[in-house]
Amino acid sequence: MRTLALFLVLAAGTVHAEPPSAEQMAKLQHDIQQATDDVDKKYAGKELSADERKQQIKDRAAAENAVLDKAGVDKKEYARAGAKMSKEDRATAASEKEKLDAKDKAAAGAKGGQTEVIVEKGGGNGQQLTPEEEAAAIDKAKGFDKGAGGSSKGKSGRGKK
C-alpha cells in the first residue's frame, strides 16, 4: 500500500512537471554560461595537467548542476527541453539571452565605474589650453612663430637672371 501511494505521488509529480519555456531556457543558459565562465577564470592562463583538466570539468559540471538545482529544473528535463525546442523557441531563447547579456554588460559597466585613467596636463594656474593652443605656445617659445618665407632661396629666386 505504501509503495502504491509513493508511486502515485512520484508519478503525479513527473506528469505535472512542465518543461521550461523558451524564456526560462534563455535564463538558464545565461546563468549556466556565467557559472562556467567563473570556473574557467580560475583555470585561465596556465597549462593544465590531466588531473587539473579533470577537476575543471568536474567544477564546470558542479556549477551547471548548482544553477539547475537553484532553478528547480531537472538536468534531464533541461536537456530534453533544449532538444525539443522549435525554431521559433530557439529564436526567442536567443533574443532573450542577448537581452540578458546586454543587461549584464550595462550593469558591469555601471558597477565597474571608469576603466580609463585620464591624465590631465597643465600647471596649477587654472588655464586650460586645447592641444592646438598648447602646440602654438610651444612653437612660439621656440621661435617658430616668425612666419614662413624668410628665405630668399624659395621659388621666387629661380629662373630669374
N, C-alpha and C. Protein backbone atom coordinates (compact mmCIF):
# COMPACT_ATOMS: atom_id res chain seq x y z
N MET A 1 0.82 -1.19 0.00
CA MET A 1 0.00 0.00 0.00
C MET A 1 0.86 1.25 0.00
N ARG A 2 1.91 1.24 0.82
CA ARG A 2 2.79 2.40 0.87
C ARG A 2 3.50 2.59 -0.46
N THR A 3 3.92 1.53 -1.06
CA THR A 3 4.63 1.66 -2.33
C THR A 3 3.71 2.21 -3.41
N LEU A 4 2.44 1.82 -3.37
CA LEU A 4 1.47 2.34 -4.35
C LEU A 4 1.26 3.83 -4.14
N ALA A 5 1.15 4.27 -2.90
CA ALA A 5 0.98 5.70 -2.60
C ALA A 5 2.22 6.48 -3.01
N LEU A 6 3.38 5.93 -2.73
CA LEU A 6 4.63 6.59 -3.11
C LEU A 6 4.74 6.69 -4.63
N PHE A 7 4.37 5.62 -5.31
CA PHE A 7 4.41 5.62 -6.77
C PHE A 7 3.47 6.67 -7.34
N LEU A 8 2.27 6.77 -6.79
CA LEU A 8 1.31 7.75 -7.28
C LEU A 8 1.80 9.18 -7.04
N VAL A 9 2.42 9.43 -5.91
CA VAL A 9 2.93 10.76 -5.62
C VAL A 9 4.06 11.10 -6.60
N LEU A 10 4.98 10.18 -6.81
CA LEU A 10 6.09 10.43 -7.72
C LEU A 10 5.61 10.57 -9.16
N ALA A 11 4.67 9.72 -9.57
CA ALA A 11 4.16 9.79 -10.93
C ALA A 11 3.40 11.09 -11.15
N ALA A 12 2.66 11.55 -10.16
CA ALA A 12 1.92 12.80 -10.29
C ALA A 12 2.88 13.98 -10.40
N GLY A 13 3.99 13.91 -9.69
CA GLY A 13 4.98 14.99 -9.76
C GLY A 13 5.64 15.06 -11.13
N THR A 14 5.92 13.93 -11.74
CA THR A 14 6.58 13.94 -13.04
C THR A 14 5.60 14.26 -14.17
N VAL A 15 4.34 13.91 -14.00
CA VAL A 15 3.35 14.19 -15.03
C VAL A 15 3.08 15.68 -15.10
N HIS A 16 3.01 16.36 -13.96
CA HIS A 16 2.67 17.77 -13.93
C HIS A 16 3.88 18.68 -14.13
N ALA A 17 5.06 18.09 -14.13
CA ALA A 17 6.25 18.92 -14.33
C ALA A 17 6.32 19.32 -15.80
N GLU A 18 6.24 20.63 -16.03
CA GLU A 18 6.28 21.12 -17.39
C GLU A 18 7.72 21.45 -17.77
N PRO A 19 8.06 21.24 -19.03
CA PRO A 19 9.42 21.62 -19.44
C PRO A 19 9.57 23.14 -19.41
N PRO A 20 10.77 23.62 -19.25
CA PRO A 20 10.99 25.06 -19.19
C PRO A 20 10.58 25.75 -20.50
N SER A 21 10.03 26.95 -20.38
CA SER A 21 9.65 27.71 -21.57
C SER A 21 10.91 28.27 -22.23
N ALA A 22 10.74 28.89 -23.38
CA ALA A 22 11.89 29.46 -24.10
C ALA A 22 12.56 30.56 -23.27
N GLU A 23 11.77 31.37 -22.59
CA GLU A 23 12.33 32.43 -21.75
C GLU A 23 13.10 31.84 -20.57
N GLN A 24 12.54 30.78 -19.97
CA GLN A 24 13.21 30.12 -18.86
C GLN A 24 14.49 29.44 -19.34
N MET A 25 14.44 28.86 -20.53
CA MET A 25 15.64 28.23 -21.09
C MET A 25 16.73 29.27 -21.31
N ALA A 26 16.35 30.45 -21.80
CA ALA A 26 17.33 31.51 -22.03
C ALA A 26 17.97 31.93 -20.71
N LYS A 27 17.15 32.09 -19.68
CA LYS A 27 17.67 32.47 -18.36
C LYS A 27 18.61 31.39 -17.82
N LEU A 28 18.20 30.13 -17.97
CA LEU A 28 19.05 29.04 -17.51
C LEU A 28 20.37 28.98 -18.28
N GLN A 29 20.30 29.13 -19.60
CA GLN A 29 21.51 29.11 -20.42
C GLN A 29 22.44 30.25 -20.02
N HIS A 30 21.86 31.40 -19.79
CA HIS A 30 22.65 32.57 -19.40
C HIS A 30 23.32 32.34 -18.05
N ASP A 31 22.57 31.85 -17.09
CA ASP A 31 23.12 31.60 -15.76
C ASP A 31 24.20 30.51 -15.78
N ILE A 32 23.96 29.47 -16.58
CA ILE A 32 24.95 28.39 -16.70
C ILE A 32 26.22 28.93 -17.35
N GLN A 33 26.07 29.76 -18.37
CA GLN A 33 27.24 30.34 -19.03
C GLN A 33 28.05 31.18 -18.05
N GLN A 34 27.37 31.97 -17.23
CA GLN A 34 28.08 32.78 -16.23
C GLN A 34 28.82 31.90 -15.23
N ALA A 35 28.16 30.86 -14.77
CA ALA A 35 28.76 29.97 -13.78
C ALA A 35 29.98 29.26 -14.34
N THR A 36 29.88 28.77 -15.57
CA THR A 36 31.02 28.06 -16.16
C THR A 36 32.14 29.04 -16.52
N ASP A 37 31.80 30.27 -16.88
CA ASP A 37 32.83 31.28 -17.15
C ASP A 37 33.61 31.59 -15.87
N ASP A 38 32.92 31.64 -14.75
CA ASP A 38 33.60 31.87 -13.47
C ASP A 38 34.58 30.74 -13.15
N VAL A 39 34.17 29.52 -13.45
CA VAL A 39 35.05 28.37 -13.23
C VAL A 39 36.25 28.45 -14.17
N ASP A 40 36.00 28.83 -15.43
CA ASP A 40 37.08 28.90 -16.41
C ASP A 40 38.10 29.98 -16.05
N LYS A 41 37.65 31.06 -15.41
CA LYS A 41 38.58 32.12 -14.99
C LYS A 41 39.60 31.57 -14.00
N LYS A 42 39.16 30.63 -13.20
CA LYS A 42 40.04 30.03 -12.19
C LYS A 42 41.20 29.30 -12.87
N TYR A 43 40.94 28.68 -14.02
CA TYR A 43 41.95 27.88 -14.69
C TYR A 43 42.60 28.60 -15.88
N ALA A 44 42.23 29.83 -16.13
CA ALA A 44 42.70 30.55 -17.31
C ALA A 44 44.17 30.93 -17.18
N GLY A 45 44.85 30.92 -18.33
CA GLY A 45 46.20 31.44 -18.39
C GLY A 45 47.30 30.49 -17.95
N LYS A 46 46.99 29.22 -17.78
CA LYS A 46 48.05 28.29 -17.41
C LYS A 46 47.84 26.96 -18.12
N GLU A 47 48.92 26.27 -18.29
CA GLU A 47 48.89 24.94 -18.91
C GLU A 47 48.35 23.96 -17.88
N LEU A 48 47.31 23.23 -18.24
CA LEU A 48 46.67 22.33 -17.30
C LEU A 48 47.16 20.90 -17.48
N SER A 49 47.40 20.25 -16.37
CA SER A 49 47.74 18.82 -16.42
C SER A 49 46.44 18.04 -16.59
N ALA A 50 46.58 16.75 -16.77
CA ALA A 50 45.40 15.90 -16.96
C ALA A 50 44.49 15.95 -15.73
N ASP A 51 45.08 15.94 -14.55
CA ASP A 51 44.29 16.00 -13.32
C ASP A 51 43.57 17.34 -13.18
N GLU A 52 44.26 18.41 -13.56
CA GLU A 52 43.64 19.74 -13.49
C GLU A 52 42.49 19.87 -14.49
N ARG A 53 42.66 19.29 -15.67
CA ARG A 53 41.56 19.32 -16.66
C ARG A 53 40.35 18.54 -16.14
N LYS A 54 40.61 17.40 -15.53
CA LYS A 54 39.51 16.62 -14.94
C LYS A 54 38.79 17.42 -13.86
N GLN A 55 39.57 18.10 -13.03
CA GLN A 55 38.97 18.90 -11.97
C GLN A 55 38.17 20.06 -12.55
N GLN A 56 38.69 20.66 -13.63
CA GLN A 56 37.96 21.75 -14.28
C GLN A 56 36.62 21.26 -14.81
N ILE A 57 36.62 20.10 -15.43
CA ILE A 57 35.38 19.52 -15.96
C ILE A 57 34.40 19.24 -14.82
N LYS A 58 34.91 18.71 -13.71
CA LYS A 58 34.04 18.45 -12.55
C LYS A 58 33.48 19.76 -11.99
N ASP A 59 34.32 20.79 -11.92
CA ASP A 59 33.87 22.08 -11.39
C ASP A 59 32.81 22.71 -12.30
N ARG A 60 33.00 22.59 -13.61
CA ARG A 60 32.02 23.12 -14.56
C ARG A 60 30.68 22.39 -14.41
N ALA A 61 30.73 21.06 -14.28
CA ALA A 61 29.51 20.28 -14.11
C ALA A 61 28.82 20.62 -12.80
N ALA A 62 29.60 20.81 -11.75
CA ALA A 62 29.01 21.18 -10.46
C ALA A 62 28.35 22.55 -10.54
N ALA A 63 28.99 23.49 -11.25
CA ALA A 63 28.41 24.83 -11.41
C ALA A 63 27.10 24.76 -12.18
N GLU A 64 27.08 23.96 -13.24
CA GLU A 64 25.85 23.80 -14.04
C GLU A 64 24.75 23.16 -13.20
N ASN A 65 25.10 22.13 -12.46
CA ASN A 65 24.10 21.47 -11.60
C ASN A 65 23.58 22.42 -10.53
N ALA A 66 24.43 23.26 -9.99
CA ALA A 66 24.00 24.20 -8.96
C ALA A 66 22.99 25.19 -9.53
N VAL A 67 23.22 25.66 -10.75
CA VAL A 67 22.28 26.59 -11.39
C VAL A 67 20.94 25.89 -11.63
N LEU A 68 20.98 24.67 -12.13
CA LEU A 68 19.74 23.94 -12.40
C LEU A 68 19.00 23.62 -11.11
N ASP A 69 19.73 23.24 -10.06
CA ASP A 69 19.09 22.95 -8.78
C ASP A 69 18.45 24.20 -8.19
N LYS A 70 19.14 25.32 -8.30
CA LYS A 70 18.60 26.58 -7.78
C LYS A 70 17.31 26.96 -8.49
N ALA A 71 17.25 26.66 -9.80
CA ALA A 71 16.05 26.97 -10.57
C ALA A 71 14.97 25.90 -10.41
N GLY A 72 15.32 24.78 -9.81
CA GLY A 72 14.34 23.71 -9.60
C GLY A 72 14.05 22.92 -10.87
N VAL A 73 15.05 22.83 -11.75
CA VAL A 73 14.88 22.12 -13.02
C VAL A 73 15.78 20.90 -13.01
N ASP A 74 15.20 19.77 -13.41
CA ASP A 74 15.97 18.54 -13.51
C ASP A 74 16.88 18.62 -14.73
N LYS A 75 18.08 18.06 -14.61
CA LYS A 75 19.04 18.13 -15.71
C LYS A 75 18.51 17.42 -16.95
N LYS A 76 17.83 16.32 -16.76
CA LYS A 76 17.26 15.59 -17.91
C LYS A 76 16.16 16.41 -18.58
N GLU A 77 15.33 17.06 -17.77
CA GLU A 77 14.26 17.91 -18.34
C GLU A 77 14.86 19.08 -19.12
N TYR A 78 15.94 19.63 -18.59
CA TYR A 78 16.62 20.74 -19.27
C TYR A 78 17.16 20.28 -20.62
N ALA A 79 17.78 19.12 -20.63
CA ALA A 79 18.33 18.59 -21.88
C ALA A 79 17.22 18.25 -22.87
N ARG A 80 16.14 17.64 -22.38
CA ARG A 80 15.01 17.33 -23.27
C ARG A 80 14.38 18.59 -23.84
N ALA A 81 14.18 19.57 -22.98
CA ALA A 81 13.57 20.82 -23.43
C ALA A 81 14.45 21.50 -24.48
N GLY A 82 15.76 21.45 -24.29
CA GLY A 82 16.66 22.03 -25.27
C GLY A 82 16.63 21.30 -26.59
N ALA A 83 16.48 19.98 -26.53
CA ALA A 83 16.45 19.18 -27.75
C ALA A 83 15.13 19.32 -28.50
N LYS A 84 14.04 19.56 -27.77
CA LYS A 84 12.71 19.62 -28.39
C LYS A 84 12.28 21.02 -28.79
N MET A 85 13.14 22.00 -28.60
CA MET A 85 12.75 23.38 -28.91
C MET A 85 12.57 23.55 -30.42
N SER A 86 11.51 24.26 -30.79
CA SER A 86 11.28 24.55 -32.20
C SER A 86 12.18 25.71 -32.63
N LYS A 87 12.18 26.02 -33.92
CA LYS A 87 12.99 27.13 -34.42
C LYS A 87 12.54 28.44 -33.79
N GLU A 88 11.24 28.61 -33.63
CA GLU A 88 10.71 29.84 -33.03
C GLU A 88 11.15 29.95 -31.57
N ASP A 89 11.09 28.80 -30.86
CA ASP A 89 11.52 28.80 -29.47
C ASP A 89 13.00 29.11 -29.34
N ARG A 90 13.78 28.55 -30.26
CA ARG A 90 15.23 28.82 -30.24
C ARG A 90 15.52 30.29 -30.52
N ALA A 91 14.78 30.87 -31.46
CA ALA A 91 14.96 32.29 -31.76
C ALA A 91 14.56 33.15 -30.56
N THR A 92 13.47 32.78 -29.92
CA THR A 92 13.02 33.51 -28.72
C THR A 92 14.06 33.40 -27.61
N ALA A 93 14.57 32.19 -27.41
CA ALA A 93 15.58 31.97 -26.37
C ALA A 93 16.85 32.77 -26.68
N ALA A 94 17.24 32.80 -27.95
CA ALA A 94 18.45 33.54 -28.32
C ALA A 94 18.27 35.04 -28.08
N SER A 95 17.11 35.57 -28.44
CA SER A 95 16.89 37.01 -28.23
C SER A 95 16.82 37.34 -26.74
N GLU A 96 16.20 36.48 -25.96
CA GLU A 96 16.14 36.70 -24.51
C GLU A 96 17.54 36.63 -23.90
N LYS A 97 18.34 35.69 -24.37
CA LYS A 97 19.71 35.55 -23.86
C LYS A 97 20.53 36.78 -24.21
N GLU A 98 20.35 37.33 -25.41
CA GLU A 98 21.06 38.54 -25.80
C GLU A 98 20.65 39.72 -24.91
N LYS A 99 19.36 39.79 -24.59
CA LYS A 99 18.89 40.86 -23.70
C LYS A 99 19.55 40.74 -22.32
N LEU A 100 19.63 39.51 -21.81
CA LEU A 100 20.25 39.29 -20.50
C LEU A 100 21.74 39.62 -20.54
N ASP A 101 22.41 39.25 -21.63
CA ASP A 101 23.84 39.57 -21.77
C ASP A 101 24.06 41.08 -21.82
N ALA A 102 23.22 41.78 -22.57
CA ALA A 102 23.34 43.23 -22.67
C ALA A 102 23.08 43.89 -21.32
N LYS A 103 22.11 43.36 -20.59
CA LYS A 103 21.79 43.88 -19.27
C LYS A 103 22.97 43.69 -18.31
N ASP A 104 23.62 42.53 -18.39
CA ASP A 104 24.79 42.27 -17.54
C ASP A 104 25.95 43.18 -17.90
N LYS A 105 26.17 43.41 -19.20
CA LYS A 105 27.25 44.30 -19.62
C LYS A 105 27.00 45.72 -19.14
N ALA A 106 25.76 46.15 -19.22
CA ALA A 106 25.41 47.50 -18.76
C ALA A 106 25.62 47.61 -17.25
N ALA A 107 25.23 46.58 -16.53
CA ALA A 107 25.39 46.59 -15.08
C ALA A 107 26.87 46.54 -14.70
N ALA A 108 27.66 45.78 -15.44
CA ALA A 108 29.09 45.70 -15.16
C ALA A 108 29.76 47.03 -15.47
N GLY A 109 29.32 47.70 -16.52
CA GLY A 109 29.89 49.00 -16.86
C GLY A 109 29.56 50.04 -15.81
N ALA A 110 28.35 50.00 -15.29
CA ALA A 110 27.94 50.96 -14.27
C ALA A 110 28.61 50.65 -12.93
N LYS A 111 28.72 49.39 -12.62
CA LYS A 111 29.30 48.99 -11.35
C LYS A 111 30.82 49.14 -11.37
N GLY A 112 31.44 48.84 -12.51
CA GLY A 112 32.88 48.90 -12.63
C GLY A 112 33.41 50.31 -12.63
N GLY A 113 32.56 51.25 -12.97
CA GLY A 113 32.99 52.64 -13.00
C GLY A 113 33.81 52.94 -14.22
N GLN A 114 34.69 53.90 -14.08
CA GLN A 114 35.51 54.33 -15.20
C GLN A 114 36.75 53.45 -15.27
N THR A 115 36.97 52.82 -16.41
CA THR A 115 38.12 51.94 -16.54
C THR A 115 39.33 52.65 -17.11
N GLU A 116 39.16 53.79 -17.77
CA GLU A 116 40.27 54.52 -18.34
C GLU A 116 40.83 55.49 -17.30
N VAL A 117 42.12 55.66 -17.36
CA VAL A 117 42.78 56.63 -16.50
C VAL A 117 43.00 57.88 -17.33
N ILE A 118 42.49 58.99 -16.87
CA ILE A 118 42.62 60.25 -17.60
C ILE A 118 43.72 61.06 -16.92
N VAL A 119 44.71 61.44 -17.71
CA VAL A 119 45.82 62.24 -17.22
C VAL A 119 45.66 63.63 -17.79
N GLU A 120 45.53 64.59 -16.92
CA GLU A 120 45.40 65.97 -17.36
C GLU A 120 46.73 66.67 -17.16
N LYS A 121 47.19 67.29 -18.23
CA LYS A 121 48.45 68.02 -18.16
C LYS A 121 48.14 69.48 -17.91
N GLY A 122 49.07 70.15 -17.35
CA GLY A 122 48.89 71.58 -17.14
C GLY A 122 49.31 71.96 -15.74
N GLY A 123 49.59 73.23 -15.60
CA GLY A 123 50.02 73.73 -14.31
C GLY A 123 48.83 74.04 -13.42
N GLY A 124 49.15 74.60 -12.31
CA GLY A 124 48.12 74.93 -11.35
C GLY A 124 47.54 76.31 -11.56
N ASN A 125 47.76 76.92 -12.74
CA ASN A 125 47.27 78.27 -12.95
C ASN A 125 45.80 78.32 -13.35
N GLY A 126 45.17 77.18 -13.52
CA GLY A 126 43.75 77.15 -13.83
C GLY A 126 43.44 77.39 -15.29
N GLN A 127 44.45 77.63 -16.12
CA GLN A 127 44.22 77.90 -17.54
C GLN A 127 44.34 76.58 -18.30
N GLN A 128 43.29 76.22 -19.01
CA GLN A 128 43.29 75.00 -19.80
C GLN A 128 43.45 75.37 -21.27
N LEU A 129 44.42 74.78 -21.92
CA LEU A 129 44.66 75.03 -23.33
C LEU A 129 44.24 73.82 -24.14
N THR A 130 43.70 74.07 -25.31
CA THR A 130 43.42 72.97 -26.22
C THR A 130 44.75 72.47 -26.76
N PRO A 131 44.81 71.28 -27.32
CA PRO A 131 46.07 70.78 -27.86
C PRO A 131 46.66 71.71 -28.93
N GLU A 132 45.80 72.32 -29.74
CA GLU A 132 46.29 73.23 -30.78
C GLU A 132 46.92 74.47 -30.15
N GLU A 133 46.25 75.02 -29.13
CA GLU A 133 46.79 76.20 -28.46
C GLU A 133 48.10 75.87 -27.74
N GLU A 134 48.17 74.68 -27.16
CA GLU A 134 49.38 74.28 -26.48
C GLU A 134 50.54 74.13 -27.48
N ALA A 135 50.26 73.55 -28.65
CA ALA A 135 51.29 73.41 -29.67
C ALA A 135 51.75 74.77 -30.18
N ALA A 136 50.81 75.70 -30.35
CA ALA A 136 51.17 77.05 -30.80
C ALA A 136 52.04 77.75 -29.77
N ALA A 137 51.75 77.56 -28.50
CA ALA A 137 52.54 78.18 -27.45
C ALA A 137 53.96 77.61 -27.43
N ILE A 138 54.09 76.32 -27.66
CA ILE A 138 55.41 75.70 -27.70
C ILE A 138 56.20 76.23 -28.90
N ASP A 139 55.52 76.31 -30.07
CA ASP A 139 56.17 76.86 -31.26
C ASP A 139 56.64 78.29 -31.04
N LYS A 140 55.80 79.07 -30.40
CA LYS A 140 56.15 80.47 -30.14
C LYS A 140 57.36 80.56 -29.22
N ALA A 141 57.40 79.69 -28.22
CA ALA A 141 58.51 79.68 -27.28
C ALA A 141 59.82 79.29 -27.96
N LYS A 142 59.75 78.44 -28.98
CA LYS A 142 60.96 78.00 -29.68
C LYS A 142 61.32 78.93 -30.83
N GLY A 143 60.49 79.93 -31.11
CA GLY A 143 60.80 80.89 -32.15
C GLY A 143 60.30 80.51 -33.53
N PHE A 144 59.37 79.58 -33.62
CA PHE A 144 58.84 79.16 -34.91
C PHE A 144 57.64 79.99 -35.35
N ASP A 145 57.31 81.03 -34.64
CA ASP A 145 56.14 81.83 -34.97
C ASP A 145 56.46 83.02 -35.87
N LYS A 146 57.66 83.10 -36.41
CA LYS A 146 58.06 84.24 -37.21
C LYS A 146 57.40 84.25 -38.59
N GLY A 147 56.85 83.16 -39.00
CA GLY A 147 56.18 83.08 -40.30
C GLY A 147 57.07 82.41 -41.32
N ALA A 148 56.48 82.02 -42.42
CA ALA A 148 57.21 81.33 -43.48
C ALA A 148 57.72 82.33 -44.49
N GLY A 149 58.62 81.91 -45.35
CA GLY A 149 59.10 82.75 -46.45
C GLY A 149 60.24 83.65 -46.07
N GLY A 150 60.93 83.42 -45.00
CA GLY A 150 62.05 84.25 -44.61
C GLY A 150 63.29 83.99 -45.44
N SER A 151 63.27 83.01 -46.28
CA SER A 151 64.44 82.65 -47.06
C SER A 151 64.32 83.21 -48.47
N SER A 152 65.41 83.67 -49.04
CA SER A 152 65.39 84.20 -50.40
C SER A 152 65.69 83.12 -51.42
N LYS A 153 65.86 81.88 -50.97
CA LYS A 153 66.15 80.79 -51.88
C LYS A 153 64.90 80.05 -52.29
N GLY A 154 63.75 80.61 -52.09
CA GLY A 154 62.48 79.96 -52.42
C GLY A 154 62.23 79.95 -53.91
N LYS A 155 61.00 79.73 -54.30
CA LYS A 155 60.61 79.63 -55.70
C LYS A 155 60.80 80.96 -56.45
N SER A 156 60.65 82.04 -55.74
CA SER A 156 60.74 83.33 -56.41
C SER A 156 62.14 83.61 -56.95
N GLY A 157 63.15 82.98 -56.44
CA GLY A 157 64.51 83.24 -56.89
C GLY A 157 64.93 82.39 -58.07
N ARG A 158 64.14 81.42 -58.46
CA ARG A 158 64.52 80.50 -59.53
C ARG A 158 64.18 81.10 -60.89
N GLY A 159 65.00 80.85 -61.81
CA GLY A 159 64.72 81.17 -63.19
C GLY A 159 64.90 82.64 -63.55
N LYS A 160 65.21 83.47 -62.62
CA LYS A 160 65.40 84.89 -62.94
C LYS A 160 66.89 85.19 -62.99
N LYS A 161 67.33 85.81 -64.09
CA LYS A 161 68.71 86.23 -64.21
C LYS A 161 68.82 87.56 -64.81
